Amino acid sequence: MKGRGQFPLHMKRALRSIEEMMDLVDLVVETVDARIPKSGRNPLLFRILKGKTRVLVLTKSNLADPNATRVWMRRFREQGENVLAVSVLEGFGGRLLESALGMAGGGGARVGLRGEGPRSRGDPPKRIMVVGIPNSGKSTLINAIAGKRLARTGKRPGITRGYQLVKVEDGVLVLDTPGVLPIPWLDCDLSKGAWRLAAVGALEEGRYDHEEAAMLLLDYLLLRYPGILGDYSQRQNTQNGRGPAPGGPLPDEPTQEDPLLRARETLTAIAGARGCIGAGGSPDLFRASSLVLREFRDGKMGRVTLE
């Protein structure tokens, strides 16, 4: 795998620039994928942002387990953090901006929010910096606030490599920053937890093993959401015209020799059911793994939180 264990140069530059610009911004918004509310945060940013007013925004909450999101939000608030959960399915832009500025002590009338009237002539603009790991929804959030596409977005990590300064409305400027991975995940050691970032699309393709990531995801789902895979298989089979998923024995229990045995058998079954067949009729686990990861990211397996 290329780049394993190396801190990418653009991420080093991003951290340095974020630190240099701290004195120039009034508020920091940290975006975190609601499906990985712990693994999706970068401890390096905590040090840089120390003392700066910030709001934690749990993005993609429509894809996360709502019960888990409530638990995490309560936990963050008990730790003294300002936290919001948002969904791309909702028109959250104006509401988010108003809530974030309100939490930061910057009431709407002072900064000229929608419907609050123009700000006073000569007042400096409110500057908001948006930070987070790759593919955590930073640019999507900015576009929602602005009400139009101003920042580049995409489903893969690393879309934002430079800084984008966006005027979202009179008196409010938002700075979009490149995503920065936490150091523990730079070597992409999936067995130590980086699989969660791979599952939600925060790691660059080619830097991790797709089959291992898919099997670790399936192993977690079998343990924490035992009914979700059956519902998912039945929906996909029905959509593909194959009828209901056939019944059968549960996968074998994992062994010390193969702790991912159940997940491996489940992935093999998905490969057969979805037509991921390789040479000689054997299951193509790479194609099946890519399918599982893609459909999990798109929410086709249901609402799941990975920690």
C-alpha atoms as a PDB file:
ATOM      1  CA  MET A   1       0.000   0.000   0.000  1.00  0.00           C
ATOM      2  CA  LYS A   2       1.446   3.371  -0.902  1.00  0.00           C
ATOM      3  CA  GLY A   3       2.088   6.052   1.652  1.00  0.00           C
ATOM      4  CA  ARG A   4       1.635   3.837   4.715  1.00  0.00           C
ATOM      5  CA  GLY A   5       2.990   5.348   7.914  1.00  0.00           C
ATOM      6  CA  GLN A   6       3.865   8.696   6.319  1.00  0.00           C
ATOM      7  CA  PHE A   7       2.355  12.017   7.349  1.00  0.00           C
ATOM      8  CA  PRO A   8       1.302  13.551   4.014  1.00  0.00           C
ATOM      9  CA  LEU A   9       2.959  16.854   3.222  1.00  0.00           C
ATOM     10  CA  HIS A  10      -0.332  18.608   2.482  1.00  0.00           C
ATOM     11  CA  MET A  11      -1.612  17.584   5.935  1.00  0.00           C
ATOM     12  CA  LYS A  12       1.501  18.967   7.631  1.00  0.00           C
ATOM     13  CA  ARG A  13       0.990  22.234   5.791  1.00  0.00           C
ATOM     14  CA  ALA A  14      -2.702  22.231   6.681  1.00  0.00           C
ATOM     15  CA  LEU A  15      -2.030  21.862  10.409  1.00  0.00           C
ATOM     16  CA  ARG A  16       0.603  24.584  10.325  1.00  0.00           C
ATOM     17  CA  SER A  17      -1.709  26.956   8.445  1.00  0.00           C
ATOM     18  CA  ILE A  18      -4.643  26.236  10.763  1.00  0.00           C
ATOM     19  CA  GLU A  19      -2.468  27.104  13.749  1.00  0.00           C
ATOM     20  CA  GLU A  20      -1.209  30.300  12.088  1.00  0.00           C
ATOM     21  CA  MET A  21      -4.739  31.479  11.291  1.00  0.00           C
ATOM     22  CA  MET A  22      -6.257  30.846  14.716  1.00  0.00           C
ATOM     23  CA  ASP A  23      -5.951  34.481  15.745  1.00  0.00           C
ATOM     24  CA  LEU A  24      -7.794  35.588  12.600  1.00  0.00           C
ATOM     25  CA  VAL A  25     -11.011  33.604  13.119  1.00  0.00           C
ATOM     26  CA  ASP A  26     -13.858  34.131  15.567  1.00  0.00           C
ATOM     27  CA  LEU A  27     -15.260  30.627  15.614  1.00  0.00           C
ATOM     28  CA  VAL A  28     -14.141  27.123  14.665  1.00  0.00           C
ATOM     29  CA  VAL A  29     -16.625  24.516  13.444  1.00  0.00           C
ATOM     30  CA  GLU A  30     -15.324  20.953  13.718  1.00  0.00           C
ATOM     31  CA  THR A  31     -17.133  18.473  11.463  1.00  0.00           C
ATOM     32  CA  VAL A  32     -17.255  14.822  12.528  1.00  0.00           C
ATOM     33  CA  ASP A  33     -19.033  11.987  10.727  1.00  0.00           C
ATOM     34  CA  ALA A  34     -21.795  10.959  13.170  1.00  0.00           C
ATOM     35  CA  ARG A  35     -21.031   7.286  12.453  1.00  0.00           C
ATOM     36  CA  ILE A  36     -17.524   7.621  13.965  1.00  0.00           C
ATOM     37  CA  PRO A  37     -17.937  10.311  16.651  1.00  0.00           C
ATOM     38  CA  LYS A  38     -14.750   9.273  18.485  1.00  0.00           C
ATOM     39  CA  SER A  39     -12.418   7.916  15.785  1.00  0.00           C
ATOM     40  CA  GLY A  40     -13.453  10.745  13.462  1.00  0.00           C
ATOM     41  CA  ARG A  41     -11.811  13.438  15.599  1.00  0.00           C
ATOM     42  CA  ASN A  42      -8.195  14.541  15.373  1.00  0.00           C
ATOM     43  CA  PRO A  43      -6.436  15.052  18.744  1.00  0.00           C
ATOM     44  CA  LEU A  44      -3.872  17.303  17.034  1.00  0.00           C
ATOM     45  CA  LEU A  45      -6.677  19.788  16.384  1.00  0.00           C
ATOM     46  CA  PHE A  46      -7.586  19.815  20.098  1.00  0.00           C
ATOM     47  CA  ARG A  47      -4.158  21.269  20.905  1.00  0.00           C
ATOM     48  CA  ILE A  48      -4.305  23.819  18.103  1.00  0.00           C
ATOM     49  CA  LEU A  49      -7.868  24.890  18.910  1.00  0.00           C
ATOM     50  CA  LYS A  50      -7.354  25.085  22.675  1.00  0.00           C
ATOM     51  CA  GLY A  51      -8.949  28.266  23.999  1.00  0.00           C
ATOM     52  CA  LYS A  52     -10.763  29.013  20.737  1.00  0.00           C
ATOM     53  CA  THR A  53     -14.566  29.018  20.726  1.00  0.00           C
ATOM     54  CA  ARG A  54     -15.705  26.050  18.694  1.00  0.00           C
ATOM     55  CA  VAL A  55     -18.799  24.081  17.786  1.00  0.00           C
ATOM     56  CA  LEU A  56     -18.762  20.345  17.120  1.00  0.00           C
ATOM     57  CA  VAL A  57     -21.083  19.379  14.245  1.00  0.00           C
ATOM     58  CA  LEU A  58     -21.995  15.710  13.797  1.00  0.00           C
ATOM     59  CA  THR A  59     -22.567  15.443  10.050  1.00  0.00           C
ATOM     60  CA  LYS A  60     -24.369  12.721   8.077  1.00  0.00           C
ATOM     61  CA  SER A  61     -26.596  12.016  11.069  1.00  0.00           C
ATOM     62  CA  ASN A  62     -29.191  10.574   8.688  1.00  0.00           C
ATOM     63  CA  LEU A  63     -26.784   7.645   8.178  1.00  0.00           C
ATOM     64  CA  ALA A  64     -26.021   7.109  11.884  1.00  0.00           C
ATOM     65  CA  ASP A  65     -27.927   5.200  14.552  1.00  0.00           C
ATOM     66  CA  PRO A  66     -30.174   7.918  16.083  1.00  0.00           C
ATOM     67  CA  ASN A  67     -30.012   6.378  19.558  1.00  0.00           C
ATOM     68  CA  ALA A  68     -26.218   6.313  19.460  1.00  0.00           C
ATOM     69  CA  THR A  69     -26.138   9.916  18.212  1.00  0.00           C
ATOM     70  CA  ARG A  70     -28.227  11.047  21.181  1.00  0.00           C
ATOM     71  CA  VAL A  71     -25.883   9.226  23.584  1.00  0.00           C
ATOM     72  CA  TRP A  72     -22.778  10.788  22.025  1.00  0.00           C
ATOM     73  CA  MET A  73     -24.304  14.268  21.991  1.00  0.00           C
ATOM     74  CA  ARG A  74     -25.160  13.973  25.678  1.00  0.00           C
ATOM     75  CA  ARG A  75     -21.618  12.785  26.404  1.00  0.00           C
ATOM     76  CA  PHE A  76     -20.045  15.670  24.490  1.00  0.00           C
ATOM     77  CA  ARG A  77     -22.269  18.218  26.241  1.00  0.00           C
ATOM     78  CA  GLU A  78     -21.346  16.760  29.629  1.00  0.00           C
ATOM     79  CA  GLN A  79     -17.729  17.403  28.649  1.00  0.00           C
ATOM     80  CA  GLY A  80     -18.580  21.054  28.050  1.00  0.00           C
ATOM     81  CA  GLU A  81     -18.689  20.988  24.250  1.00  0.00           C
ATOM     82  CA  ASN A  82     -21.129  22.828  21.992  1.00  0.00           C
ATOM     83  CA  VAL A  83     -22.549  20.140  19.713  1.00  0.00           C
ATOM     84  CA  LEU A  84     -25.105  19.918  16.896  1.00  0.00           C
ATOM     85  CA  ALA A  85     -26.205  17.028  14.680  1.00  0.00           C
ATOM     86  CA  VAL A  86     -27.160  17.735  11.069  1.00  0.00           C
ATOM     87  CA  SER A  87     -28.434  15.734   8.119  1.00  0.00           C
ATOM     88  CA  VAL A  88     -28.086  16.410   4.407  1.00  0.00           C
ATOM     89  CA  LEU A  89     -31.768  15.502   4.129  1.00  0.00           C
ATOM     90  CA  GLU A  90     -32.733  18.617   6.071  1.00  0.00           C
ATOM     91  CA  GLY A  91     -32.467  22.257   5.066  1.00  0.00           C
ATOM     92  CA  PHE A  92     -30.101  22.924   7.938  1.00  0.00           C
ATOM     93  CA  GLY A  93     -27.948  25.716   6.505  1.00  0.00           C
ATOM     94  CA  GLY A  94     -29.451  28.842   8.032  1.00  0.00           C
ATOM     95  CA  ARG A  95     -30.440  27.044  11.237  1.00  0.00           C
ATOM     96  CA  LEU A  96     -26.924  25.674  11.665  1.00  0.00           C
ATOM     97  CA  LEU A  97     -25.281  29.047  11.146  1.00  0.00           C
ATOM     98  CA  GLU A  98     -27.617  30.753  13.592  1.00  0.00           C
ATOM     99  CA  SER A  99     -27.170  28.005  16.195  1.00  0.00           C
ATOM    100  CA  ALA A 100     -23.387  27.912  15.846  1.00  0.00           C
ATOM    101  CA  LEU A 101     -23.032  31.688  16.158  1.00  0.00           C
ATOM    102  CA  GLY A 102     -25.452  31.680  19.080  1.00  0.00           C
ATOM    103  CA  MET A 103     -23.389  29.030  20.880  1.00  0.00           C
ATOM    104  CA  ALA A 104     -20.288  31.089  20.211  1.00  0.00           C
ATOM    105  CA  GLY A 105     -21.846  34.134  21.810  1.00  0.00           C
ATOM    106  CA  GLY A 106     -22.236  35.899  18.488  1.00  0.00           C
ATOM    107  CA  GLY A 107     -25.946  36.644  18.434  1.00  0.00           C
ATOM    108  CA  GLY A 108     -27.669  36.889  15.078  1.00  0.00           C
ATOM    109  CA  ALA A 109     -28.316  40.641  15.257  1.00  0.00           C
ATOM    110  CA  ARG A 110     -24.622  41.337  15.687  1.00  0.00           C
ATOM    111  CA  VAL A 111     -23.513  39.458  12.610  1.00  0.00           C
ATOM    112  CA  GLY A 112     -26.357  40.107  10.216  1.00  0.00           C
ATOM    113  CA  LEU A 113     -27.988  36.696   9.941  1.00  0.00           C
ATOM    114  CA  ARG A 114     -30.823  36.111   7.501  1.00  0.00           C
ATOM    115  CA  GLY A 115     -33.853  38.069   8.629  1.00  0.00           C
ATOM    116  CA  GLU A 116     -31.908  40.006  11.313  1.00  0.00           C
ATOM    117  CA  GLY A 117     -31.277  43.098   9.234  1.00  0.00           C
ATOM    118  CA  PRO A 118     -27.964  44.362   7.834  1.00  0.00           C
ATOM    119  CA  ARG A 119     -24.933  44.640  10.065  1.00  0.00           C
ATOM    120  CA  SER A 120     -23.601  48.092  10.899  1.00  0.00           C
ATOM    121  CA  ARG A 121     -21.363  49.720   8.316  1.00  0.00           C
ATOM    122  CA  GLY A 122     -17.731  49.174   9.169  1.00  0.00           C
ATOM    123  CA  ASP A 123     -18.303  46.102  11.365  1.00  0.00           C
ATOM    124  CA  PRO A 124     -15.687  43.439  10.580  1.00  0.00           C
ATOM    125  CA  PRO A 125     -17.054  40.215   9.060  1.00  0.00           C
ATOM    126  CA  LYS A 126     -17.520  37.190  11.274  1.00  0.00           C
ATOM    127  CA  ARG A 127     -14.860  34.637  10.309  1.00  0.00           C
ATOM    128  CA  ILE A 128     -15.595  30.947  10.736  1.00  0.00           C
ATOM    129  CA  MET A 129     -13.052  28.189  10.125  1.00  0.00           C
ATOM    130  CA  VAL A 130     -14.303  24.674   9.322  1.00  0.00           C
ATOM    131  CA  VAL A 131     -11.961  21.817  10.254  1.00  0.00           C
ATOM    132  CA  GLY A 132     -12.143  18.023  10.363  1.00  0.00           C
ATOM    133  CA  ILE A 133     -10.702  14.804   8.987  1.00  0.00           C
ATOM    134  CA  PRO A 134     -11.049  13.997   5.254  1.00  0.00           C
ATOM    135  CA  ASN A 135     -14.555  13.399   3.925  1.00  0.00           C
ATOM    136  CA  SER A 136     -16.248  14.503   7.137  1.00  0.00           C
ATOM    137  CA  GLY A 137     -18.652  16.822   5.333  1.00  0.00           C
ATOM    138  CA  LYS A 138     -16.854  20.173   5.644  1.00  0.00           C
ATOM    139  CA  SER A 139     -17.524  21.418   2.119  1.00  0.00           C
ATOM    140  CA  THR A 140     -21.079  20.046   2.062  1.00  0.00           C
ATOM    141  CA  LEU A 141     -21.801  21.909   5.281  1.00  0.00           C
ATOM    142  CA  ILE A 142     -20.437  25.167   3.853  1.00  0.00           C
ATOM    143  CA  ASN A 143     -22.564  24.808   0.729  1.00  0.00           C
ATOM    144  CA  ALA A 144     -25.651  24.161   2.877  1.00  0.00           C
ATOM    145  CA  ILE A 145     -24.994  27.311   4.892  1.00  0.00           C
ATOM    146  CA  ALA A 146     -24.463  29.350   1.725  1.00  0.00           C
ATOM    147  CA  GLY A 147     -27.527  27.900   0.030  1.00  0.00           C
ATOM    148  CA  LYS A 148     -25.548  27.138  -3.123  1.00  0.00           C
ATOM    149  CA  ARG A 149     -22.487  25.213  -4.256  1.00  0.00           C
ATOM    150  CA  LEU A 150     -19.444  27.301  -3.417  1.00  0.00           C
ATOM    151  CA  ALA A 151     -17.036  24.689  -2.050  1.00  0.00           C
ATOM    152  CA  ARG A 152     -15.952  21.570  -3.946  1.00  0.00           C
ATOM    153  CA  THR A 153     -17.434  18.320  -2.649  1.00  0.00           C
ATOM    154  CA  GLY A 154     -17.165  14.615  -3.420  1.00  0.00           C
ATOM    155  CA  LYS A 155     -17.573  11.144  -1.936  1.00  0.00           C
ATOM    156  CA  ARG A 156     -13.840  10.473  -1.800  1.00  0.00           C
ATOM    157  CA  PRO A 157     -11.440  11.992   0.736  1.00  0.00           C
ATOM    158  CA  GLY A 158      -8.967  14.701  -0.171  1.00  0.00           C
ATOM    159  CA  ILE A 159     -11.216  16.837  -2.399  1.00  0.00           C
ATOM    160  CA  THR A 160     -10.143  19.968  -0.518  1.00  0.00           C
ATOM    161  CA  ARG A 161      -6.333  20.237  -0.771  1.00  0.00           C
ATOM    162  CA  GLY A 162      -6.047  24.005  -0.417  1.00  0.00           C
ATOM    163  CA  TYR A 163      -8.031  26.653   1.431  1.00  0.00           C
ATOM    164  CA  GLN A 164     -11.329  27.998   0.177  1.00  0.00           C
ATOM    165  CA  LEU A 165     -12.652  31.287   1.583  1.00  0.00           C
ATOM    166  CA  VAL A 166     -16.384  31.512   1.045  1.00  0.00           C
ATOM    167  CA  LYS A 167     -18.673  34.480   1.675  1.00  0.00           C
ATOM    168  CA  VAL A 168     -21.889  32.796   2.734  1.00  0.00           C
ATOM    169  CA  GLU A 169     -23.799  36.008   3.426  1.00  0.00           C
ATOM    170  CA  ASP A 170     -23.298  39.642   4.378  1.00  0.00           C
ATOM    171  CA  GLY A 171     -20.903  39.747   7.294  1.00  0.00           C
ATOM    172  CA  VAL A 172     -20.028  36.037   7.442  1.00  0.00           C
ATOM    173  CA  LEU A 173     -16.935  34.486   5.849  1.00  0.00           C
ATOM    174  CA  VAL A 174     -16.243  30.749   6.083  1.00  0.00           C
ATOM    175  CA  LEU A 175     -12.815  29.187   5.550  1.00  0.00           C
ATOM    176  CA  ASP A 176     -12.823  25.581   4.307  1.00  0.00           C
ATOM    177  CA  THR A 177      -9.651  23.678   5.229  1.00  0.00           C
ATOM    178  CA  PRO A 178      -8.083  20.421   3.984  1.00  0.00           C
ATOM    179  CA  GLY A 179      -8.880  17.308   5.996  1.00  0.00           C
ATOM    180  CA  VAL A 180      -6.189  16.111   8.403  1.00  0.00           C
ATOM    181  CA  LEU A 181      -6.059  12.498   9.598  1.00  0.00           C
ATOM    182  CA  PRO A 182      -5.215  11.651  13.211  1.00  0.00           C
ATOM    183  CA  ILE A 183      -1.676  10.263  13.481  1.00  0.00           C
ATOM    184  CA  PRO A 184      -2.819   6.827  14.813  1.00  0.00           C
ATOM    185  CA  TRP A 185      -4.650   6.172  11.530  1.00  0.00           C
ATOM    186  CA  LEU A 186      -1.911   7.258   9.141  1.00  0.00           C
ATOM    187  CA  ASP A 187      -0.458   3.755   8.863  1.00  0.00           C
ATOM    188  CA  CYS A 188      -3.959   2.499   7.964  1.00  0.00           C
ATOM    189  CA  ASP A 189      -3.704  -0.410  10.421  1.00  0.00           C
ATOM    190  CA  LEU A 190      -7.285  -1.618  10.057  1.00  0.00           C
ATOM    191  CA  SER A 191      -7.073  -4.079  12.947  1.00  0.00           C
ATOM    192  CA  LYS A 192      -6.381  -1.223  15.379  1.00  0.00           C
ATOM    193  CA  GLY A 193      -9.470   0.743  14.444  1.00  0.00           C
ATOM    194  CA  ALA A 194      -8.656   2.418  11.136  1.00  0.00           C
ATOM    195  CA  TRP A 195     -11.289   0.152   9.540  1.00  0.00           C
ATOM    196  CA  ARG A 196     -13.920   2.569  10.852  1.00  0.00           C
ATOM    197  CA  LEU A 197     -12.404   5.394   8.804  1.00  0.00           C
ATOM    198  CA  ALA A 198     -12.140   3.100   5.773  1.00  0.00           C
ATOM    199  CA  ALA A 199     -15.794   2.111   6.180  1.00  0.00           C
ATOM    200  CA  VAL A 200     -17.050   5.711   6.031  1.00  0.00           C
ATOM    201  CA  GLY A 201     -14.660   6.709   3.231  1.00  0.00           C
ATOM    202  CA  ALA A 202     -12.191   8.828   5.210  1.00  0.00           C
ATOM    203  CA  LEU A 203      -9.115   6.905   3.992  1.00  0.00           C
ATOM    204  CA  GLU A 204      -7.790   7.235   0.461  1.00  0.00           C
ATOM    205  CA  GLU A 205      -8.423   4.290  -1.841  1.00  0.00           C
ATOM    206  CA  GLY A 206      -5.299   2.207  -2.337  1.00  0.00           C
ATOM    207  CA  ARG A 207      -3.990   2.819   1.187  1.00  0.00           C
ATOM    208  CA  TYR A 208      -5.869  -0.062   2.816  1.00  0.00           C
ATOM    209  CA  ASP A 209      -6.993  -3.621   2.146  1.00  0.00           C
ATOM    210  CA  HIS A 210     -10.620  -3.581   0.956  1.00  0.00           C
ATOM    211  CA  GLU A 211     -11.322  -7.174   1.948  1.00  0.00           C
ATOM    212  CA  GLU A 212     -10.014  -6.701   5.481  1.00  0.00           C
ATOM    213  CA  ALA A 213     -11.950  -3.444   5.879  1.00  0.00           C
ATOM    214  CA  ALA A 214     -15.189  -5.037   4.650  1.00  0.00           C
ATOM    215  CA  MET A 215     -14.763  -8.083   6.882  1.00  0.00           C
ATOM    216  CA  LEU A 216     -14.068  -5.968   9.968  1.00  0.00           C
ATOM    217  CA  LEU A 217     -17.163  -3.911   9.159  1.00  0.00           C
ATOM    218  CA  LEU A 218     -19.276  -7.052   8.693  1.00  0.00           C
ATOM    219  CA  ASP A 219     -17.875  -8.522  11.912  1.00  0.00           C
ATOM    220  CA  TYR A 220     -18.975  -5.402  13.798  1.00  0.00           C
ATOM    221  CA  LEU A 221     -22.435  -5.478  12.215  1.00  0.00           C
ATOM    222  CA  LEU A 222     -22.888  -9.167  13.059  1.00  0.00           C
ATOM    223  CA  LEU A 223     -22.031  -8.400  16.678  1.00  0.00           C
ATOM    224  CA  ARG A 224     -23.758  -5.052  17.267  1.00  0.00           C
ATOM    225  CA  TYR A 225     -26.548  -5.015  14.641  1.00  0.00           C
ATOM    226  CA  PRO A 226     -27.307  -8.741  14.140  1.00  0.00           C
ATOM    227  CA  GLY A 227     -30.539  -8.209  12.205  1.00  0.00           C
ATOM    228  CA  ILE A 228     -29.367  -5.514   9.836  1.00  0.00           C
ATOM    229  CA  LEU A 229     -27.522  -7.733   7.346  1.00  0.00           C
ATOM    230  CA  GLY A 230     -30.543  -9.983   6.839  1.00  0.00           C
ATOM    231  CA  ASP A 231     -32.743  -6.954   6.168  1.00  0.00           C
ATOM    232  CA  TYR A 232     -30.106  -5.532   3.834  1.00  0.00           C
ATOM    233  CA  SER A 233     -29.736  -8.799   1.877  1.00  0.00           C
ATOM    234  CA  GLN A 234     -33.481  -9.150   1.474  1.00  0.00           C
ATOM    235  CA  ARG A 235     -33.868  -5.576   0.213  1.00  0.00           C
ATOM    236  CA  GLN A 236     -31.032  -5.974  -2.288  1.00  0.00           C
ATOM    237  CA  ASN A 237     -32.282  -9.335  -3.555  1.00  0.00           C
ATOM    238  CA  THR A 238     -35.791  -7.939  -4.009  1.00  0.00           C
ATOM    239  CA  GLN A 239     -34.453  -4.887  -5.883  1.00  0.00           C
ATOM    240  CA  ASN A 240     -32.371  -7.150  -8.110  1.00  0.00           C
ATOM    241  CA  GLY A 241     -35.333  -9.382  -8.922  1.00  0.00           C
ATOM    242  CA  ARG A 242     -33.990 -12.407  -7.075  1.00  0.00           C
ATOM    243  CA  GLY A 243     -36.827 -12.652  -4.579  1.00  0.00           C
ATOM    244  CA  PRO A 244     -36.429 -12.973  -0.817  1.00  0.00           C
ATOM    245  CA  ALA A 245     -33.087 -13.994   0.586  1.00  0.00           C
ATOM    246  CA  PRO A 246     -32.996 -17.752   1.159  1.00  0.00           C
ATOM    247  CA  GLY A 247     -32.876 -19.021   4.718  1.00  0.00           C
ATOM    248  CA  GLY A 248     -30.035 -21.100   6.020  1.00  0.00           C
ATOM    249  CA  PRO A 249     -27.792 -21.755   8.999  1.00  0.00           C
ATOM    250  CA  LEU A 250     -26.013 -18.884  10.704  1.00  0.00           C
ATOM    251  CA  PRO A 251     -22.332 -18.431   9.867  1.00  0.00           C
ATOM    252  CA  ASP A 252     -19.944 -20.507  11.956  1.00  0.00           C
ATOM    253  CA  GLU A 253     -18.522 -19.016  15.135  1.00  0.00           C
ATOM    254  CA  PRO A 254     -15.109 -17.365  14.803  1.00  0.00           C
ATOM    255  CA  THR A 255     -12.105 -19.347  15.981  1.00  0.00           C
ATOM    256  CA  GLN A 256      -8.738 -18.344  17.387  1.00  0.00           C
ATOM    257  CA  GLU A 257      -7.187 -19.292  14.058  1.00  0.00           C
ATOM    258  CA  ASP A 258      -9.672 -17.190  12.116  1.00  0.00           C
ATOM    259  CA  PRO A 259     -11.375 -14.519  14.274  1.00  0.00           C
ATOM    260  CA  LEU A 260     -13.113 -13.139  11.172  1.00  0.00           C
ATOM    261  CA  LEU A 261     -14.577 -16.480  10.083  1.00  0.00           C
ATOM    262  CA  ARG A 262     -18.197 -15.348  10.345  1.00  0.00           C
ATOM    263  CA  ALA A 263     -17.449 -12.150   8.469  1.00  0.00           C
ATOM    264  CA  ARG A 264     -15.554 -14.066   5.771  1.00  0.00           C
ATOM    265  CA  GLU A 265     -18.482 -16.436   5.268  1.00  0.00           C
ATOM    266  CA  THR A 266     -20.913 -13.529   5.164  1.00  0.00           C
ATOM    267  CA  LEU A 267     -18.810 -11.713   2.563  1.00  0.00           C
ATOM    268  CA  THR A 268     -18.602 -14.902   0.483  1.00  0.00           C
ATOM    269  CA  ALA A 269     -22.388 -15.249   0.635  1.00  0.00           C
ATOM    270  CA  ILE A 270     -22.837 -11.615  -0.445  1.00  0.00           C
ATOM    271  CA  ALA A 271     -20.461 -12.198  -3.362  1.00  0.00           C
ATOM    272  CA  GLY A 272     -22.569 -15.095  -4.587  1.00  0.00           C
ATOM    273  CA  ALA A 273     -25.888 -13.342  -4.071  1.00  0.00           C
ATOM    274  CA  ARG A 274     -24.780 -10.140  -5.835  1.00  0.00           C
ATOM    275  CA  GLY A 275     -23.034 -11.768  -8.795  1.00  0.00           C
ATOM    276  CA  CYS A 276     -19.461 -10.997  -7.734  1.00  0.00           C
ATOM    277  CA  ILE A 277     -17.988 -14.105  -9.355  1.00  0.00           C
ATOM    278  CA  GLY A 278     -14.422 -14.457 -10.552  1.00  0.00           C
ATOM    279  CA  ALA A 279     -12.585 -16.868 -12.821  1.00  0.00           C
ATOM    280  CA  GLY A 280     -13.678 -20.479 -12.485  1.00  0.00           C
ATOM    281  CA  GLY A 281     -16.849 -19.526 -10.653  1.00  0.00           C
ATOM    282  CA  SER A 282     -15.122 -18.632  -7.391  1.00  0.00           C
ATOM    283  CA  PRO A 283     -16.409 -15.657  -5.389  1.00  0.00           C
ATOM    284  CA  ASP A 284     -14.651 -12.380  -6.147  1.00  0.00           C
ATOM    285  CA  LEU A 285     -14.166 -11.068  -2.616  1.00  0.00           C
ATOM    286  CA  PHE A 286     -12.486  -7.847  -3.738  1.00  0.00           C
ATOM    287  CA  ARG A 287     -15.519  -6.838  -5.807  1.00  0.00           C
ATOM    288  CA  ALA A 288     -17.847  -7.913  -3.012  1.00  0.00           C
ATOM    289  CA  SER A 289     -15.796  -5.920  -0.489  1.00  0.00           C
ATOM    290  CA  SER A 290     -15.930  -2.777  -2.624  1.00  0.00           C
ATOM    291  CA  LEU A 291     -19.695  -3.268  -2.979  1.00  0.00           C
ATOM    292  CA  VAL A 292     -20.186  -3.685   0.780  1.00  0.00           C
ATOM    293  CA  LEU A 293     -18.137  -0.582   1.597  1.00  0.00           C
ATOM    294  CA  ARG A 294     -19.835   1.534  -1.065  1.00  0.00           C
ATOM    295  CA  GLU A 295     -23.345   0.542  -0.025  1.00  0.00           C
ATOM    296  CA  PHE A 296     -22.576   1.023   3.653  1.00  0.00           C
ATOM    297  CA  ARG A 297     -21.336   4.556   2.932  1.00  0.00           C
ATOM    298  CA  ASP A 298     -24.510   5.284   0.985  1.00  0.00           C
ATOM    299  CA  GLY A 299     -26.687   4.124   3.882  1.00  0.00           C
ATOM    300  CA  LYS A 300     -28.127   1.100   2.079  1.00  0.00           C
ATOM    301  CA  MET A 301     -27.435  -1.109   5.110  1.00  0.00           C
ATOM    302  CA  GLY A 302     -29.441   1.101   7.404  1.00  0.00           C
ATOM    303  CA  ARG A 303     -28.528   3.602  10.088  1.00  0.00           C
ATOM    304  CA  VAL A 304     -25.393   2.436  11.893  1.00  0.00           C
ATOM    305  CA  THR A 305     -22.880   3.967  14.280  1.00  0.00           C
ATOM    306  CA  LEU A 306     -19.515   2.228  14.461  1.00  0.00           C
ATOM    307  CA  GLU A 307     -18.594   3.065  18.063  1.00  0.00           C
END
